[in-house]
Amino acid sequence: MKVIISPAKKMNVDTEFEIHNMPCFLDKTEFLMKYIQNLSYEEAKNLWKCNDKIAKISFEYFSNMSLTERLTPAILAYEGIQYKYISPNVFDIEQWKYIENHLCILSGFYGILRPLDGVVPYRLEMQSKVMLSGYKDLYDYWGDTLFKKLYDDTDIVLNLASKEYSKCIEKHLNDQVEFISCTFAEYKEGKIITKDTFSKMARGEMIRYMTEEKIEKISEIKNFNRLGYRYSEEKSNDKNIVFIR
């Protein structure tokens, strides 16, 4: 079983932790790096759709970028809410082994990452409107490459990624593999709704739960009962496991 999650926009550098691997599609990442390095500041800012402060930092990332120096393990490089709840900084050795064997981080820049792959800070969302020769967008650029890599040694994937990122896998699914999503929801005025912030918290907490319990079967995650969430058999189906708080 593999588990997929989204990256975070905010990143940091922490070279004290040892990396175990280099990203598996570094040649395709280098192509994207050179593409962005050839953009003017205004073109890059328009691509990133952000304010000047963030654009200047991001532009500097690419101006001075080396894909092989000052590397941070991917799971420690991202700083979003989800990663705060995963809390990899306090993993024990067994948790590190588990997460390295099961978790994959999807990325518009790197494609797919193992937790201990060495990365550098960047800004490039999967839905970014890149104008690459011969490709419509990043989904087209990555094609079925990420799908094939993800299912290389498994036939079942637990999807904890956002729609923006899971789309690059879902569009290539077939009858030979399983792809099961998780929804973290709540009741409001009699209706079931999801809230982005709480979903990110729950996804991170689910990953942490899986590392602590050494989950190997999809059915075992139904026992998850953190942050007030409980498994809903009524709302779940074969393709989507629903937790409600």
C-alpha atoms as a PDB file:
ATOM      1  CA  MET A   1       0.000   0.000   0.000  1.00  0.00           C
ATOM      2  CA  LYS A   2       1.114   3.516  -0.841  1.00  0.00           C
ATOM      3  CA  VAL A   3      -0.264   6.783   0.522  1.00  0.00           C
ATOM      4  CA  ILE A   4      -0.200  10.049  -1.438  1.00  0.00           C
ATOM      5  CA  ILE A   5      -0.309  13.587  -0.064  1.00  0.00           C
ATOM      6  CA  SER A   6       0.049  17.084  -1.494  1.00  0.00           C
ATOM      7  CA  PRO A   7       3.082  19.326  -0.967  1.00  0.00           C
ATOM      8  CA  ALA A   8       2.907  22.717   0.773  1.00  0.00           C
ATOM      9  CA  LYS A   9       3.685  26.126  -0.704  1.00  0.00           C
ATOM     10  CA  LYS A  10       5.883  27.224   2.196  1.00  0.00           C
ATOM     11  CA  MET A  11       9.266  25.502   2.402  1.00  0.00           C
ATOM     12  CA  ASN A  12      12.437  25.612   4.471  1.00  0.00           C
ATOM     13  CA  VAL A  13      16.008  24.348   4.410  1.00  0.00           C
ATOM     14  CA  ASP A  14      17.263  21.917   7.060  1.00  0.00           C
ATOM     15  CA  THR A  15      20.519  20.260   6.053  1.00  0.00           C
ATOM     16  CA  GLU A  16      21.116  18.643   9.454  1.00  0.00           C
ATOM     17  CA  PHE A  17      18.929  15.659   8.564  1.00  0.00           C
ATOM     18  CA  GLU A  18      20.437  13.098   6.210  1.00  0.00           C
ATOM     19  CA  ILE A  19      18.768  12.497   2.859  1.00  0.00           C
ATOM     20  CA  HIS A  20      18.506   8.901   1.618  1.00  0.00           C
ATOM     21  CA  ASN A  21      17.813   9.392  -2.076  1.00  0.00           C
ATOM     22  CA  MET A  22      17.657  11.861  -4.900  1.00  0.00           C
ATOM     23  CA  PRO A  23      14.251  12.474  -6.535  1.00  0.00           C
ATOM     24  CA  CYS A  24      13.586   9.899  -9.245  1.00  0.00           C
ATOM     25  CA  PHE A  25      12.647  12.351 -12.017  1.00  0.00           C
ATOM     26  CA  LEU A  26      15.432  14.889 -11.573  1.00  0.00           C
ATOM     27  CA  ASP A  27      15.931  15.259 -15.325  1.00  0.00           C
ATOM     28  CA  LYS A  28      12.334  16.419 -15.765  1.00  0.00           C
ATOM     29  CA  THR A  29      12.719  18.700 -12.735  1.00  0.00           C
ATOM     30  CA  GLU A  30      15.840  20.250 -14.259  1.00  0.00           C
ATOM     31  CA  PHE A  31      13.875  20.977 -17.437  1.00  0.00           C
ATOM     32  CA  LEU A  32      11.238  22.832 -15.380  1.00  0.00           C
ATOM     33  CA  MET A  33      13.935  24.677 -13.455  1.00  0.00           C
ATOM     34  CA  LYS A  34      15.527  25.982 -16.655  1.00  0.00           C
ATOM     35  CA  TYR A  35      12.113  26.973 -18.002  1.00  0.00           C
ATOM     36  CA  ILE A  36      11.400  29.124 -14.939  1.00  0.00           C
ATOM     37  CA  GLN A  37      14.932  30.532 -14.858  1.00  0.00           C
ATOM     38  CA  ASN A  38      14.348  31.856 -18.375  1.00  0.00           C
ATOM     39  CA  LEU A  39      11.234  33.777 -17.313  1.00  0.00           C
ATOM     40  CA  SER A  40      11.345  37.457 -16.444  1.00  0.00           C
ATOM     41  CA  TYR A  41      10.348  38.448 -12.917  1.00  0.00           C
ATOM     42  CA  GLU A  42       6.906  39.591 -14.072  1.00  0.00           C
ATOM     43  CA  GLU A  43       6.356  36.400 -16.073  1.00  0.00           C
ATOM     44  CA  ALA A  44       7.318  34.280 -13.070  1.00  0.00           C
ATOM     45  CA  LYS A  45       5.115  36.309 -10.729  1.00  0.00           C
ATOM     46  CA  ASN A  46       2.190  35.858 -13.106  1.00  0.00           C
ATOM     47  CA  LEU A  47       2.852  32.106 -13.207  1.00  0.00           C
ATOM     48  CA  TRP A  48       2.907  31.885  -9.414  1.00  0.00           C
ATOM     49  CA  LYS A  49      -0.080  34.214  -8.922  1.00  0.00           C
ATOM     50  CA  CYS A  50       1.296  35.653  -5.691  1.00  0.00           C
ATOM     51  CA  ASN A  51       2.225  38.997  -4.138  1.00  0.00           C
ATOM     52  CA  ASP A  52       5.560  40.761  -4.598  1.00  0.00           C
ATOM     53  CA  LYS A  53       7.029  39.566  -1.306  1.00  0.00           C
ATOM     54  CA  ILE A  54       6.492  35.899  -2.122  1.00  0.00           C
ATOM     55  CA  ALA A  55       7.419  36.380  -5.789  1.00  0.00           C
ATOM     56  CA  LYS A  56      10.787  37.943  -4.883  1.00  0.00           C
ATOM     57  CA  ILE A  57      11.631  35.073  -2.549  1.00  0.00           C
ATOM     58  CA  SER A  58      10.540  32.494  -5.125  1.00  0.00           C
ATOM     59  CA  PHE A  59      12.418  34.233  -7.942  1.00  0.00           C
ATOM     60  CA  GLU A  60      15.557  34.167  -5.802  1.00  0.00           C
ATOM     61  CA  TYR A  61      15.052  30.441  -5.179  1.00  0.00           C
ATOM     62  CA  PHE A  62      15.267  29.752  -8.897  1.00  0.00           C
ATOM     63  CA  SER A  63      17.988  32.310  -9.644  1.00  0.00           C
ATOM     64  CA  ASN A  64      20.382  30.565  -7.238  1.00  0.00           C
ATOM     65  CA  MET A  65      19.026  27.034  -7.558  1.00  0.00           C
ATOM     66  CA  SER A  66      21.146  23.904  -7.525  1.00  0.00           C
ATOM     67  CA  LEU A  67      19.238  20.628  -7.457  1.00  0.00           C
ATOM     68  CA  THR A  68      22.134  18.786  -5.803  1.00  0.00           C
ATOM     69  CA  GLU A  69      23.264  21.147  -3.018  1.00  0.00           C
ATOM     70  CA  ARG A  70      21.858  22.148   0.394  1.00  0.00           C
ATOM     71  CA  LEU A  71      19.211  19.455   0.256  1.00  0.00           C
ATOM     72  CA  THR A  72      16.471  18.844   2.798  1.00  0.00           C
ATOM     73  CA  PRO A  73      14.485  15.596   3.180  1.00  0.00           C
ATOM     74  CA  ALA A  74      11.158  16.259   1.466  1.00  0.00           C
ATOM     75  CA  ILE A  75       9.013  15.434   4.504  1.00  0.00           C
ATOM     76  CA  LEU A  76      10.922  18.076   6.496  1.00  0.00           C
ATOM     77  CA  ALA A  77      11.076  20.672   3.724  1.00  0.00           C
ATOM     78  CA  TYR A  78       7.360  21.463   3.582  1.00  0.00           C
ATOM     79  CA  GLU A  79       5.844  23.646   6.302  1.00  0.00           C
ATOM     80  CA  GLY A  80       2.066  23.551   5.775  1.00  0.00           C
ATOM     81  CA  ILE A  81      -0.630  22.650   8.298  1.00  0.00           C
ATOM     82  CA  GLN A  82      -0.689  19.043   7.119  1.00  0.00           C
ATOM     83  CA  TYR A  83       3.034  18.643   7.792  1.00  0.00           C
ATOM     84  CA  LYS A  84       2.744  20.213  11.231  1.00  0.00           C
ATOM     85  CA  TYR A  85       0.270  17.477  12.162  1.00  0.00           C
ATOM     86  CA  ILE A  86       2.437  14.738  10.666  1.00  0.00           C
ATOM     87  CA  SER A  87       5.199  15.973  13.032  1.00  0.00           C
ATOM     88  CA  PRO A  88       8.091  14.091  11.396  1.00  0.00           C
ATOM     89  CA  ASN A  89      10.640  15.846  13.628  1.00  0.00           C
ATOM     90  CA  VAL A  90       9.652  13.575  16.506  1.00  0.00           C
ATOM     91  CA  PHE A  91       9.447  10.284  14.591  1.00  0.00           C
ATOM     92  CA  ASP A  92      11.291   7.308  16.029  1.00  0.00           C
ATOM     93  CA  ILE A  93      13.324   4.977  13.813  1.00  0.00           C
ATOM     94  CA  GLU A  94      10.409   2.624  13.143  1.00  0.00           C
ATOM     95  CA  GLN A  95       8.164   5.509  12.104  1.00  0.00           C
ATOM     96  CA  TRP A  96      10.829   6.724   9.687  1.00  0.00           C
ATOM     97  CA  LYS A  97      11.077   3.250   8.169  1.00  0.00           C
ATOM     98  CA  TYR A  98       7.311   3.033   7.810  1.00  0.00           C
ATOM     99  CA  ILE A  99       6.843   6.419   6.196  1.00  0.00           C
ATOM    100  CA  GLU A 100       9.733   5.940   3.776  1.00  0.00           C
ATOM    101  CA  ASN A 101       8.182   2.675   2.585  1.00  0.00           C
ATOM    102  CA  HIS A 102       4.598   3.916   2.294  1.00  0.00           C
ATOM    103  CA  LEU A 103       4.352   7.666   1.737  1.00  0.00           C
ATOM    104  CA  CYS A 104       4.655   9.542  -1.560  1.00  0.00           C
ATOM    105  CA  ILE A 105       4.463  13.328  -1.914  1.00  0.00           C
ATOM    106  CA  LEU A 106       3.137  14.593  -5.243  1.00  0.00           C
ATOM    107  CA  SER A 107       4.786  17.728  -6.627  1.00  0.00           C
ATOM    108  CA  GLY A 108       4.391  19.926  -9.683  1.00  0.00           C
ATOM    109  CA  PHE A 109       8.167  20.465  -9.706  1.00  0.00           C
ATOM    110  CA  TYR A 110       9.553  17.064  -8.669  1.00  0.00           C
ATOM    111  CA  GLY A 111       6.694  14.842  -9.798  1.00  0.00           C
ATOM    112  CA  ILE A 112       6.712  12.327  -6.978  1.00  0.00           C
ATOM    113  CA  LEU A 113       8.869  12.275  -3.865  1.00  0.00           C
ATOM    114  CA  ARG A 114       9.739   9.790  -1.172  1.00  0.00           C
ATOM    115  CA  PRO A 115       9.928  11.335   2.318  1.00  0.00           C
ATOM    116  CA  LEU A 116      13.736  11.233   2.473  1.00  0.00           C
ATOM    117  CA  ASP A 117      14.418  12.428  -1.074  1.00  0.00           C
ATOM    118  CA  GLY A 118      16.599  15.540  -1.065  1.00  0.00           C
ATOM    119  CA  VAL A 119      14.857  18.693  -2.284  1.00  0.00           C
ATOM    120  CA  VAL A 120      15.400  22.444  -2.471  1.00  0.00           C
ATOM    121  CA  PRO A 121      12.814  25.212  -1.932  1.00  0.00           C
ATOM    122  CA  TYR A 122      10.766  26.025  -5.036  1.00  0.00           C
ATOM    123  CA  ARG A 123       7.368  27.378  -5.998  1.00  0.00           C
ATOM    124  CA  LEU A 124       5.391  25.567  -8.682  1.00  0.00           C
ATOM    125  CA  GLU A 125       1.888  24.253  -8.136  1.00  0.00           C
ATOM    126  CA  MET A 126       0.574  21.385 -10.232  1.00  0.00           C
ATOM    127  CA  GLN A 127      -2.186  23.618 -11.617  1.00  0.00           C
ATOM    128  CA  SER A 128       0.269  26.362 -12.667  1.00  0.00           C
ATOM    129  CA  LYS A 129      -0.256  27.570 -16.241  1.00  0.00           C
ATOM    130  CA  VAL A 130       3.168  26.694 -17.586  1.00  0.00           C
ATOM    131  CA  MET A 131       3.742  27.245 -21.305  1.00  0.00           C
ATOM    132  CA  LEU A 132       6.021  24.331 -22.131  1.00  0.00           C
ATOM    133  CA  SER A 133       6.574  23.541 -25.785  1.00  0.00           C
ATOM    134  CA  GLY A 134       4.558  20.471 -26.711  1.00  0.00           C
ATOM    135  CA  TYR A 135       2.568  20.334 -23.460  1.00  0.00           C
ATOM    136  CA  LYS A 136      -0.757  21.868 -22.437  1.00  0.00           C
ATOM    137  CA  ASP A 137       0.095  22.058 -18.730  1.00  0.00           C
ATOM    138  CA  LEU A 138       1.933  20.223 -15.960  1.00  0.00           C
ATOM    139  CA  TYR A 139      -0.605  17.397 -15.957  1.00  0.00           C
ATOM    140  CA  ASP A 140       0.253  16.841 -19.603  1.00  0.00           C
ATOM    141  CA  TYR A 141       3.985  17.244 -18.911  1.00  0.00           C
ATOM    142  CA  TRP A 142       4.004  14.546 -16.241  1.00  0.00           C
ATOM    143  CA  GLY A 143       1.531  12.366 -18.172  1.00  0.00           C
ATOM    144  CA  ASP A 144       1.187   8.845 -16.775  1.00  0.00           C
ATOM    145  CA  THR A 145       4.747   8.887 -15.397  1.00  0.00           C
ATOM    146  CA  LEU A 146       3.654   9.486 -11.807  1.00  0.00           C
ATOM    147  CA  PHE A 147       0.854   6.926 -12.013  1.00  0.00           C
ATOM    148  CA  LYS A 148       3.262   4.245 -13.236  1.00  0.00           C
ATOM    149  CA  LYS A 149       5.855   5.066 -10.582  1.00  0.00           C
ATOM    150  CA  LEU A 150       3.270   5.071  -7.797  1.00  0.00           C
ATOM    151  CA  TYR A 151       1.859   1.671  -8.746  1.00  0.00           C
ATOM    152  CA  ASP A 152       5.240   0.168  -9.581  1.00  0.00           C
ATOM    153  CA  ASP A 153       5.276  -2.037  -6.470  1.00  0.00           C
ATOM    154  CA  THR A 154       1.700  -1.863  -5.185  1.00  0.00           C
ATOM    155  CA  ASP A 155      -1.832  -2.207  -6.507  1.00  0.00           C
ATOM    156  CA  ILE A 156      -3.560  -0.103  -3.853  1.00  0.00           C
ATOM    157  CA  VAL A 157      -3.174   3.592  -3.047  1.00  0.00           C
ATOM    158  CA  LEU A 158      -4.731   5.615  -0.241  1.00  0.00           C
ATOM    159  CA  ASN A 159      -5.404   9.130  -1.466  1.00  0.00           C
ATOM    160  CA  LEU A 160      -4.872  11.880   1.115  1.00  0.00           C
ATOM    161  CA  ALA A 161      -3.979  14.481  -1.512  1.00  0.00           C
ATOM    162  CA  SER A 162      -6.006  17.480  -2.641  1.00  0.00           C
ATOM    163  CA  LYS A 163      -7.938  17.305  -5.905  1.00  0.00           C
ATOM    164  CA  GLU A 164      -5.301  19.468  -7.612  1.00  0.00           C
ATOM    165  CA  TYR A 165      -2.682  16.782  -7.015  1.00  0.00           C
ATOM    166  CA  SER A 166      -4.704  13.564  -6.987  1.00  0.00           C
ATOM    167  CA  LYS A 167      -5.918  14.485 -10.486  1.00  0.00           C
ATOM    168  CA  CYS A 168      -2.513  13.600 -11.941  1.00  0.00           C
ATOM    169  CA  ILE A 169      -3.050  10.017 -10.752  1.00  0.00           C
ATOM    170  CA  GLU A 170      -6.821   9.638 -11.088  1.00  0.00           C
ATOM    171  CA  LYS A 171      -6.941  10.407 -14.805  1.00  0.00           C
ATOM    172  CA  HIS A 172      -4.799   7.304 -15.482  1.00  0.00           C
ATOM    173  CA  LEU A 173      -6.564   4.777 -13.228  1.00  0.00           C
ATOM    174  CA  ASN A 174      -7.643   1.409 -14.606  1.00  0.00           C
ATOM    175  CA  ASP A 175      -9.424  -1.734 -13.397  1.00  0.00           C
ATOM    176  CA  GLN A 176      -6.185  -3.404 -12.309  1.00  0.00           C
ATOM    177  CA  VAL A 177      -5.504  -1.014  -9.419  1.00  0.00           C
ATOM    178  CA  GLU A 178      -7.321   0.359  -6.384  1.00  0.00           C
ATOM    179  CA  PHE A 179      -7.453   4.062  -5.522  1.00  0.00           C
ATOM    180  CA  ILE A 180      -9.255   4.893  -2.287  1.00  0.00           C
ATOM    181  CA  SER A 181      -9.775   8.424  -1.004  1.00  0.00           C
ATOM    182  CA  CYS A 182     -10.448   9.789   2.477  1.00  0.00           C
ATOM    183  CA  THR A 183     -12.926  12.558   3.231  1.00  0.00           C
ATOM    184  CA  PHE A 184     -12.898  14.424   6.537  1.00  0.00           C
ATOM    185  CA  ALA A 185     -16.204  16.187   7.016  1.00  0.00           C
ATOM    186  CA  GLU A 186     -18.643  17.616   9.529  1.00  0.00           C
ATOM    187  CA  TYR A 187     -22.332  18.329   9.790  1.00  0.00           C
ATOM    188  CA  LYS A 188     -23.618  21.863   9.366  1.00  0.00           C
ATOM    189  CA  GLU A 189     -27.340  22.613   9.286  1.00  0.00           C
ATOM    190  CA  GLY A 190     -28.054  18.995   8.473  1.00  0.00           C
ATOM    191  CA  LYS A 191     -25.582  18.836   5.585  1.00  0.00           C
ATOM    192  CA  ILE A 192     -22.142  17.265   5.347  1.00  0.00           C
ATOM    193  CA  ILE A 193     -19.437  19.793   4.484  1.00  0.00           C
ATOM    194  CA  THR A 194     -15.647  19.823   4.343  1.00  0.00           C
ATOM    195  CA  LYS A 195     -13.375  22.646   5.472  1.00  0.00           C
ATOM    196  CA  ASP A 196      -9.928  22.977   3.920  1.00  0.00           C
ATOM    197  CA  THR A 197      -8.042  23.782   7.112  1.00  0.00           C
ATOM    198  CA  PHE A 198      -9.596  20.962   9.111  1.00  0.00           C
ATOM    199  CA  SER A 199      -9.090  18.547   6.212  1.00  0.00           C
ATOM    200  CA  LYS A 200      -5.377  19.406   6.106  1.00  0.00           C
ATOM    201  CA  MET A 201      -5.112  18.890   9.855  1.00  0.00           C
ATOM    202  CA  ALA A 202      -6.871  15.538   9.612  1.00  0.00           C
ATOM    203  CA  ARG A 203      -4.760  14.331   6.685  1.00  0.00           C
ATOM    204  CA  GLY A 204      -1.604  15.064   8.633  1.00  0.00           C
ATOM    205  CA  GLU A 205      -2.984  13.419  11.757  1.00  0.00           C
ATOM    206  CA  MET A 206      -3.981  10.368   9.703  1.00  0.00           C
ATOM    207  CA  ILE A 207      -0.418   9.999   8.404  1.00  0.00           C
ATOM    208  CA  ARG A 208       0.899  10.257  11.948  1.00  0.00           C
ATOM    209  CA  TYR A 209      -1.659   7.690  13.121  1.00  0.00           C
ATOM    210  CA  MET A 210      -0.598   5.308  10.373  1.00  0.00           C
ATOM    211  CA  THR A 211       3.084   5.618  11.322  1.00  0.00           C
ATOM    212  CA  GLU A 212       2.305   4.958  14.978  1.00  0.00           C
ATOM    213  CA  GLU A 213       0.018   1.980  14.321  1.00  0.00           C
ATOM    214  CA  LYS A 214       2.067   0.644  11.370  1.00  0.00           C
ATOM    215  CA  ILE A 215      -1.063   0.398   9.219  1.00  0.00           C
ATOM    216  CA  GLU A 216      -0.714  -2.097   6.362  1.00  0.00           C
ATOM    217  CA  LYS A 217      -4.349  -2.564   5.308  1.00  0.00           C
ATOM    218  CA  ILE A 218      -6.854   0.061   4.190  1.00  0.00           C
ATOM    219  CA  SER A 219      -9.493  -1.410   6.499  1.00  0.00           C
ATOM    220  CA  GLU A 220      -7.330  -0.588   9.521  1.00  0.00           C
ATOM    221  CA  ILE A 221      -7.614   3.169   9.035  1.00  0.00           C
ATOM    222  CA  LYS A 222     -11.309   2.961   9.885  1.00  0.00           C
ATOM    223  CA  ASN A 223     -10.237   2.884  13.544  1.00  0.00           C
ATOM    224  CA  PHE A 224      -8.899   6.445  13.241  1.00  0.00           C
ATOM    225  CA  ASN A 225     -10.587   8.575  15.914  1.00  0.00           C
ATOM    226  CA  ARG A 226      -8.494  11.698  16.353  1.00  0.00           C
ATOM    227  CA  LEU A 227      -9.397  15.401  16.217  1.00  0.00           C
ATOM    228  CA  GLY A 228     -12.986  14.394  16.908  1.00  0.00           C
ATOM    229  CA  TYR A 229     -13.388  12.362  13.697  1.00  0.00           C
ATOM    230  CA  ARG A 230     -15.101   8.978  13.540  1.00  0.00           C
ATOM    231  CA  TYR A 231     -15.525   6.558  10.658  1.00  0.00           C
ATOM    232  CA  SER A 232     -18.953   6.749   9.009  1.00  0.00           C
ATOM    233  CA  GLU A 233     -19.989   3.444   7.495  1.00  0.00           C
ATOM    234  CA  GLU A 234     -23.190   5.049   6.223  1.00  0.00           C
ATOM    235  CA  LYS A 235     -21.406   7.723   4.177  1.00  0.00           C
ATOM    236  CA  SER A 236     -18.448   5.598   3.030  1.00  0.00           C
ATOM    237  CA  ASN A 237     -18.194   3.387  -0.042  1.00  0.00           C
ATOM    238  CA  ASP A 238     -15.607   1.247  -1.827  1.00  0.00           C
ATOM    239  CA  LYS A 239     -13.849   4.307  -3.267  1.00  0.00           C
ATOM    240  CA  ASN A 240     -14.172   6.818  -0.441  1.00  0.00           C
ATOM    241  CA  ILE A 241     -13.739   6.368   3.313  1.00  0.00           C
ATOM    242  CA  VAL A 242     -15.562   9.116   5.193  1.00  0.00           C
ATOM    243  CA  PHE A 243     -14.814  10.418   8.675  1.00  0.00           C
ATOM    244  CA  ILE A 244     -17.210  12.847  10.333  1.00  0.00           C
ATOM    245  CA  ARG A 245     -16.771  14.996  13.427  1.00  0.00           C
END
